[in-house]
Amino acid sequence: MSIRTDRVSDLMKGEISRLILRDMRDPRIGFVTVTGTSVSPDLRLVRVFVSVLGDDAARQASLKALNNAAAFFRRSLFKNLRLRHAPDVVFRLDESLDRGERIDEVLRAIHADEAARAADEEE
């Protein structure tokens, strides 16, 4: 990515976060955090990665509500950031936090097994 697309991506991330916090009134949208954005080189597509607090049903409901509001985000980004083209906005769940949590659980289990083996060997 170029410096320009990185800069525009950061601007879009901030603007979308602000719009979700301030302007979204949909009750299906739970506690949503924008974790990142990815902008195409021609700035016509932005993928927004979000993390949603709650169970899988709440995550899917929030994601569906956000994608249904994509036209609102498209208009707002175009107007507020003064872009040449209104980008298509697509929301995706950011699974990296869940994967990190699973890795931590596995590592804790390994350490617990090693500690139990060390205790058995000492006896």
N, C-alpha and C. Protein backbone atom coordinates (compact mmCIF):
# COMPACT_ATOMS: atom_id res chain seq x y z
N MET A 1 0.84 -1.19 0.00
CA MET A 1 0.00 0.00 0.00
C MET A 1 0.88 1.25 0.00
N SER A 2 0.38 2.27 -0.63
CA SER A 2 1.12 3.52 -0.67
C SER A 2 0.84 4.34 0.59
N ILE A 3 1.59 5.36 0.75
CA ILE A 3 1.41 6.24 1.90
C ILE A 3 0.02 6.88 1.85
N ARG A 4 -0.41 7.22 0.65
CA ARG A 4 -1.73 7.85 0.50
C ARG A 4 -2.85 6.91 0.92
N THR A 5 -2.81 5.67 0.45
CA THR A 5 -3.87 4.73 0.83
C THR A 5 -3.83 4.42 2.32
N ASP A 6 -2.64 4.37 2.90
CA ASP A 6 -2.54 4.18 4.35
C ASP A 6 -3.19 5.34 5.10
N ARG A 7 -2.91 6.54 4.65
CA ARG A 7 -3.46 7.73 5.29
C ARG A 7 -4.98 7.79 5.14
N VAL A 8 -5.47 7.49 3.94
CA VAL A 8 -6.92 7.49 3.70
C VAL A 8 -7.58 6.38 4.53
N SER A 9 -6.93 5.23 4.62
CA SER A 9 -7.45 4.12 5.41
C SER A 9 -7.60 4.52 6.88
N ASP A 10 -6.60 5.19 7.42
CA ASP A 10 -6.68 5.65 8.81
C ASP A 10 -7.79 6.68 8.99
N LEU A 11 -7.94 7.59 8.03
CA LEU A 11 -9.02 8.58 8.10
C LEU A 11 -10.39 7.90 8.07
N MET A 12 -10.53 6.90 7.20
CA MET A 12 -11.80 6.19 7.10
C MET A 12 -12.10 5.41 8.38
N LYS A 13 -11.09 4.81 8.96
CA LYS A 13 -11.28 4.08 10.21
C LYS A 13 -11.80 5.01 11.30
N GLY A 14 -11.19 6.17 11.42
CA GLY A 14 -11.64 7.13 12.42
C GLY A 14 -13.04 7.65 12.16
N GLU A 15 -13.33 7.94 10.90
CA GLU A 15 -14.65 8.46 10.54
C GLU A 15 -15.74 7.42 10.76
N ILE A 16 -15.48 6.17 10.36
CA ILE A 16 -16.48 5.12 10.55
C ILE A 16 -16.70 4.85 12.04
N SER A 17 -15.64 4.85 12.82
CA SER A 17 -15.79 4.68 14.27
C SER A 17 -16.66 5.78 14.85
N ARG A 18 -16.39 7.00 14.42
CA ARG A 18 -17.18 8.14 14.92
C ARG A 18 -18.64 8.01 14.50
N LEU A 19 -18.88 7.61 13.27
CA LEU A 19 -20.26 7.46 12.79
C LEU A 19 -21.02 6.37 13.55
N ILE A 20 -20.34 5.27 13.84
CA ILE A 20 -20.99 4.19 14.59
C ILE A 20 -21.35 4.66 15.99
N LEU A 21 -20.43 5.35 16.63
CA LEU A 21 -20.69 5.82 18.00
C LEU A 21 -21.75 6.91 18.07
N ARG A 22 -21.72 7.83 17.12
CA ARG A 22 -22.56 9.01 17.21
C ARG A 22 -23.88 8.89 16.46
N ASP A 23 -23.87 8.31 15.28
CA ASP A 23 -25.04 8.40 14.41
C ASP A 23 -25.85 7.12 14.24
N MET A 24 -25.30 5.99 14.59
CA MET A 24 -26.03 4.73 14.39
C MET A 24 -27.02 4.51 15.52
N ARG A 25 -28.28 4.33 15.17
CA ARG A 25 -29.34 4.15 16.16
C ARG A 25 -29.98 2.77 16.08
N ASP A 26 -29.42 1.88 15.28
CA ASP A 26 -29.98 0.56 15.08
C ASP A 26 -29.77 -0.29 16.34
N PRO A 27 -30.86 -0.82 16.92
CA PRO A 27 -30.72 -1.61 18.15
C PRO A 27 -30.01 -2.95 17.93
N ARG A 28 -29.91 -3.40 16.68
CA ARG A 28 -29.20 -4.66 16.41
C ARG A 28 -27.70 -4.51 16.57
N ILE A 29 -27.21 -3.28 16.49
CA ILE A 29 -25.78 -3.05 16.60
C ILE A 29 -25.41 -3.00 18.07
N GLY A 30 -24.60 -3.97 18.48
CA GLY A 30 -24.16 -4.05 19.87
C GLY A 30 -22.91 -3.22 20.08
N PHE A 31 -22.07 -3.70 20.97
CA PHE A 31 -20.82 -3.02 21.27
C PHE A 31 -19.82 -3.36 20.16
N VAL A 32 -19.63 -2.45 19.22
CA VAL A 32 -18.80 -2.67 18.05
C VAL A 32 -17.54 -1.82 18.15
N THR A 33 -16.40 -2.44 17.84
CA THR A 33 -15.14 -1.72 17.79
C THR A 33 -14.55 -1.91 16.40
N VAL A 34 -14.19 -0.82 15.75
CA VAL A 34 -13.53 -0.89 14.46
C VAL A 34 -12.05 -1.18 14.71
N THR A 35 -11.60 -2.35 14.26
CA THR A 35 -10.22 -2.76 14.52
C THR A 35 -9.28 -2.43 13.37
N GLY A 36 -9.83 -2.20 12.19
CA GLY A 36 -8.97 -1.87 11.06
C GLY A 36 -9.76 -1.64 9.80
N THR A 37 -9.08 -1.06 8.82
CA THR A 37 -9.68 -0.86 7.51
C THR A 37 -8.65 -1.24 6.46
N SER A 38 -9.16 -1.67 5.33
CA SER A 38 -8.32 -1.98 4.19
C SER A 38 -8.94 -1.30 2.98
N VAL A 39 -8.16 -0.46 2.33
CA VAL A 39 -8.66 0.33 1.21
C VAL A 39 -8.00 -0.17 -0.07
N SER A 40 -8.80 -0.31 -1.13
CA SER A 40 -8.24 -0.73 -2.42
C SER A 40 -7.36 0.40 -2.96
N PRO A 41 -6.41 0.06 -3.83
CA PRO A 41 -5.50 1.10 -4.36
C PRO A 41 -6.21 2.25 -5.07
N ASP A 42 -7.38 1.98 -5.69
CA ASP A 42 -8.11 3.05 -6.37
C ASP A 42 -9.08 3.78 -5.44
N LEU A 43 -9.10 3.42 -4.17
CA LEU A 43 -9.92 4.05 -3.12
C LEU A 43 -11.42 3.90 -3.37
N ARG A 44 -11.82 2.90 -4.13
CA ARG A 44 -13.24 2.70 -4.41
C ARG A 44 -13.88 1.62 -3.54
N LEU A 45 -13.07 0.91 -2.76
CA LEU A 45 -13.59 -0.13 -1.87
C LEU A 45 -12.86 -0.05 -0.54
N VAL A 46 -13.63 -0.05 0.52
CA VAL A 46 -13.04 -0.10 1.85
C VAL A 46 -13.65 -1.28 2.60
N ARG A 47 -12.77 -2.13 3.12
CA ARG A 47 -13.20 -3.23 3.97
C ARG A 47 -12.96 -2.79 5.41
N VAL A 48 -14.00 -2.87 6.20
CA VAL A 48 -13.93 -2.43 7.59
C VAL A 48 -13.99 -3.68 8.47
N PHE A 49 -12.96 -3.87 9.27
CA PHE A 49 -12.91 -5.01 10.17
C PHE A 49 -13.38 -4.57 11.55
N VAL A 50 -14.37 -5.31 12.07
CA VAL A 50 -14.97 -4.94 13.35
C VAL A 50 -14.92 -6.12 14.30
N SER A 51 -14.84 -5.79 15.57
CA SER A 51 -14.95 -6.76 16.64
C SER A 51 -16.23 -6.44 17.39
N VAL A 52 -17.03 -7.47 17.65
CA VAL A 52 -18.32 -7.27 18.31
C VAL A 52 -18.34 -8.08 19.59
N LEU A 53 -18.70 -7.43 20.67
CA LEU A 53 -18.79 -8.10 21.96
C LEU A 53 -20.11 -8.85 22.03
N GLY A 54 -20.06 -10.12 22.44
CA GLY A 54 -21.27 -10.91 22.57
C GLY A 54 -21.12 -12.27 21.93
N ASP A 55 -22.23 -13.01 21.92
CA ASP A 55 -22.21 -14.35 21.35
C ASP A 55 -22.27 -14.27 19.82
N ASP A 56 -22.25 -15.43 19.18
CA ASP A 56 -22.21 -15.48 17.72
C ASP A 56 -23.45 -14.85 17.09
N ALA A 57 -24.62 -15.06 17.71
CA ALA A 57 -25.86 -14.47 17.17
C ALA A 57 -25.80 -12.94 17.20
N ALA A 58 -25.27 -12.39 18.30
CA ALA A 58 -25.14 -10.93 18.41
C ALA A 58 -24.14 -10.40 17.38
N ARG A 59 -23.07 -11.14 17.17
CA ARG A 59 -22.07 -10.72 16.19
C ARG A 59 -22.67 -10.68 14.79
N GLN A 60 -23.40 -11.74 14.43
CA GLN A 60 -23.98 -11.80 13.10
C GLN A 60 -25.05 -10.73 12.91
N ALA A 61 -25.84 -10.47 13.95
CA ALA A 61 -26.87 -9.42 13.86
C ALA A 61 -26.23 -8.05 13.68
N SER A 62 -25.17 -7.78 14.42
CA SER A 62 -24.47 -6.49 14.30
C SER A 62 -23.84 -6.35 12.93
N LEU A 63 -23.22 -7.43 12.44
CA LEU A 63 -22.58 -7.38 11.13
C LEU A 63 -23.61 -7.15 10.03
N LYS A 64 -24.75 -7.82 10.14
CA LYS A 64 -25.81 -7.65 9.14
C LYS A 64 -26.34 -6.21 9.16
N ALA A 65 -26.54 -5.66 10.35
CA ALA A 65 -27.03 -4.29 10.47
C ALA A 65 -26.02 -3.30 9.88
N LEU A 66 -24.74 -3.51 10.13
CA LEU A 66 -23.72 -2.62 9.59
C LEU A 66 -23.67 -2.70 8.07
N ASN A 67 -23.73 -3.91 7.53
CA ASN A 67 -23.71 -4.05 6.07
C ASN A 67 -24.98 -3.48 5.43
N ASN A 68 -26.11 -3.55 6.14
CA ASN A 68 -27.34 -2.93 5.64
C ASN A 68 -27.23 -1.41 5.61
N ALA A 69 -26.40 -0.86 6.47
CA ALA A 69 -26.21 0.59 6.55
C ALA A 69 -25.02 1.05 5.70
N ALA A 70 -24.53 0.20 4.82
CA ALA A 70 -23.35 0.53 4.01
C ALA A 70 -23.56 1.79 3.17
N ALA A 71 -24.76 1.99 2.66
CA ALA A 71 -25.03 3.19 1.85
C ALA A 71 -24.89 4.45 2.69
N PHE A 72 -25.33 4.39 3.94
CA PHE A 72 -25.18 5.53 4.85
C PHE A 72 -23.69 5.85 5.05
N PHE A 73 -22.88 4.81 5.29
CA PHE A 73 -21.44 5.02 5.49
C PHE A 73 -20.78 5.54 4.21
N ARG A 74 -21.22 5.03 3.07
CA ARG A 74 -20.67 5.46 1.79
C ARG A 74 -20.91 6.96 1.59
N ARG A 75 -22.14 7.40 1.78
CA ARG A 75 -22.46 8.83 1.63
C ARG A 75 -21.69 9.69 2.63
N SER A 76 -21.63 9.22 3.87
CA SER A 76 -20.96 10.00 4.91
C SER A 76 -19.46 10.11 4.65
N LEU A 77 -18.83 9.03 4.23
CA LEU A 77 -17.40 9.09 3.92
C LEU A 77 -17.14 10.03 2.75
N PHE A 78 -17.96 9.93 1.73
CA PHE A 78 -17.81 10.78 0.56
C PHE A 78 -17.93 12.25 0.93
N LYS A 79 -18.93 12.57 1.72
CA LYS A 79 -19.20 13.96 2.09
C LYS A 79 -18.18 14.49 3.12
N ASN A 80 -17.94 13.71 4.18
CA ASN A 80 -17.10 14.21 5.28
C ASN A 80 -15.61 14.22 4.96
N LEU A 81 -15.16 13.28 4.14
CA LEU A 81 -13.72 13.22 3.81
C LEU A 81 -13.40 13.88 2.47
N ARG A 82 -14.43 14.37 1.80
CA ARG A 82 -14.28 15.06 0.52
C ARG A 82 -13.48 14.22 -0.48
N LEU A 83 -13.95 13.01 -0.68
CA LEU A 83 -13.30 12.10 -1.61
C LEU A 83 -13.79 12.34 -3.03
N ARG A 84 -13.00 11.93 -4.00
CA ARG A 84 -13.37 12.07 -5.40
C ARG A 84 -14.46 11.08 -5.78
N HIS A 85 -14.41 9.87 -5.22
CA HIS A 85 -15.40 8.83 -5.48
C HIS A 85 -15.93 8.31 -4.15
N ALA A 86 -17.19 7.97 -4.13
CA ALA A 86 -17.78 7.37 -2.93
C ALA A 86 -17.39 5.89 -2.89
N PRO A 87 -16.67 5.46 -1.86
CA PRO A 87 -16.20 4.07 -1.82
C PRO A 87 -17.31 3.11 -1.38
N ASP A 88 -17.28 1.91 -1.93
CA ASP A 88 -18.15 0.85 -1.43
C ASP A 88 -17.62 0.43 -0.07
N VAL A 89 -18.52 0.21 0.87
CA VAL A 89 -18.12 -0.15 2.24
C VAL A 89 -18.62 -1.56 2.53
N VAL A 90 -17.70 -2.41 2.97
CA VAL A 90 -18.03 -3.79 3.32
C VAL A 90 -17.49 -4.06 4.72
N PHE A 91 -18.36 -4.55 5.58
CA PHE A 91 -17.95 -4.86 6.95
C PHE A 91 -17.64 -6.34 7.07
N ARG A 92 -16.57 -6.67 7.80
CA ARG A 92 -16.15 -8.04 8.06
C ARG A 92 -15.84 -8.19 9.54
N LEU A 93 -16.11 -9.38 10.06
CA LEU A 93 -15.76 -9.65 11.45
C LEU A 93 -14.26 -9.86 11.56
N ASP A 94 -13.65 -9.28 12.57
CA ASP A 94 -12.23 -9.47 12.84
C ASP A 94 -12.11 -10.63 13.81
N GLU A 95 -11.64 -11.74 13.33
CA GLU A 95 -11.54 -12.96 14.13
C GLU A 95 -10.20 -13.06 14.85
N SER A 96 -9.31 -12.11 14.67
CA SER A 96 -7.96 -12.22 15.24
C SER A 96 -7.98 -12.23 16.77
N LEU A 97 -8.89 -11.50 17.39
CA LEU A 97 -8.95 -11.51 18.85
C LEU A 97 -9.38 -12.87 19.37
N ASP A 98 -10.33 -13.52 18.70
CA ASP A 98 -10.76 -14.86 19.09
C ASP A 98 -9.64 -15.87 18.92
N ARG A 99 -8.91 -15.76 17.81
CA ARG A 99 -7.79 -16.67 17.58
C ARG A 99 -6.71 -16.49 18.63
N GLY A 100 -6.43 -15.25 18.98
CA GLY A 100 -5.44 -14.97 20.02
C GLY A 100 -5.86 -15.54 21.36
N GLU A 101 -7.14 -15.44 21.67
CA GLU A 101 -7.64 -15.99 22.93
C GLU A 101 -7.51 -17.51 22.96
N ARG A 102 -7.82 -18.17 21.83
CA ARG A 102 -7.67 -19.63 21.75
C ARG A 102 -6.22 -20.05 21.91
N ILE A 103 -5.30 -19.30 21.32
CA ILE A 103 -3.88 -19.60 21.46
C ILE A 103 -3.45 -19.47 22.92
N ASP A 104 -3.92 -18.42 23.60
CA ASP A 104 -3.61 -18.25 25.02
C ASP A 104 -4.13 -19.42 25.85
N GLU A 105 -5.32 -19.90 25.54
CA GLU A 105 -5.88 -21.05 26.27
C GLU A 105 -5.02 -22.29 26.08
N VAL A 106 -4.59 -22.53 24.85
CA VAL A 106 -3.75 -23.70 24.57
C VAL A 106 -2.41 -23.57 25.31
N LEU A 107 -1.83 -22.39 25.28
CA LEU A 107 -0.55 -22.19 25.98
C LEU A 107 -0.70 -22.38 27.49
N ARG A 108 -1.80 -21.90 28.06
CA ARG A 108 -2.03 -22.10 29.50
C ARG A 108 -2.18 -23.58 29.82
N ALA A 109 -2.88 -24.33 28.96
CA ALA A 109 -3.04 -25.77 29.18
C ALA A 109 -1.70 -26.48 29.10
N ILE A 110 -0.86 -26.09 28.16
CA ILE A 110 0.47 -26.69 28.03
C ILE A 110 1.30 -26.41 29.28
N HIS A 111 1.28 -25.17 29.75
CA HIS A 111 2.04 -24.82 30.96
C HIS A 111 1.52 -25.57 32.18
N ALA A 112 0.21 -25.74 32.26
CA ALA A 112 -0.37 -26.48 33.39
C ALA A 112 0.06 -27.94 33.33
N ASP A 113 0.07 -28.54 32.14
CA ASP A 113 0.53 -29.92 31.99
C ASP A 113 1.99 -30.07 32.35
N GLU A 114 2.82 -29.12 31.93
CA GLU A 114 4.24 -29.17 32.26
C GLU A 114 4.46 -29.03 33.75
N ALA A 115 3.69 -28.15 34.38
CA ALA A 115 3.82 -27.98 35.83
C ALA A 115 3.38 -29.25 36.55
N ALA A 116 2.33 -29.90 36.07
CA ALA A 116 1.87 -31.15 36.70
C ALA A 116 2.89 -32.26 36.53
N ARG A 117 3.49 -32.36 35.35
CA ARG A 117 4.53 -33.37 35.13
C ARG A 117 5.75 -33.12 36.01
N ALA A 118 6.14 -31.85 36.13
CA ALA A 118 7.30 -31.52 36.98
C ALA A 118 7.00 -31.87 38.42
N ALA A 119 5.78 -31.64 38.86
CA ALA A 119 5.41 -31.97 40.25
C ALA A 119 5.41 -33.49 40.45
N ASP A 120 4.94 -34.26 39.45
CA ASP A 120 4.93 -35.72 39.53
C ASP A 120 6.35 -36.27 39.56
N GLU A 121 7.26 -35.68 38.78
CA GLU A 121 8.63 -36.16 38.73
C GLU A 121 9.37 -35.88 40.05
N GLU A 122 9.03 -34.82 40.73
CA GLU A 122 9.68 -34.47 42.00
C GLU A 122 9.26 -35.42 43.11
N GLU A 123 8.06 -35.98 43.00
CA GLU A 123 7.57 -36.87 44.05
C GLU A 123 8.18 -38.18 43.88
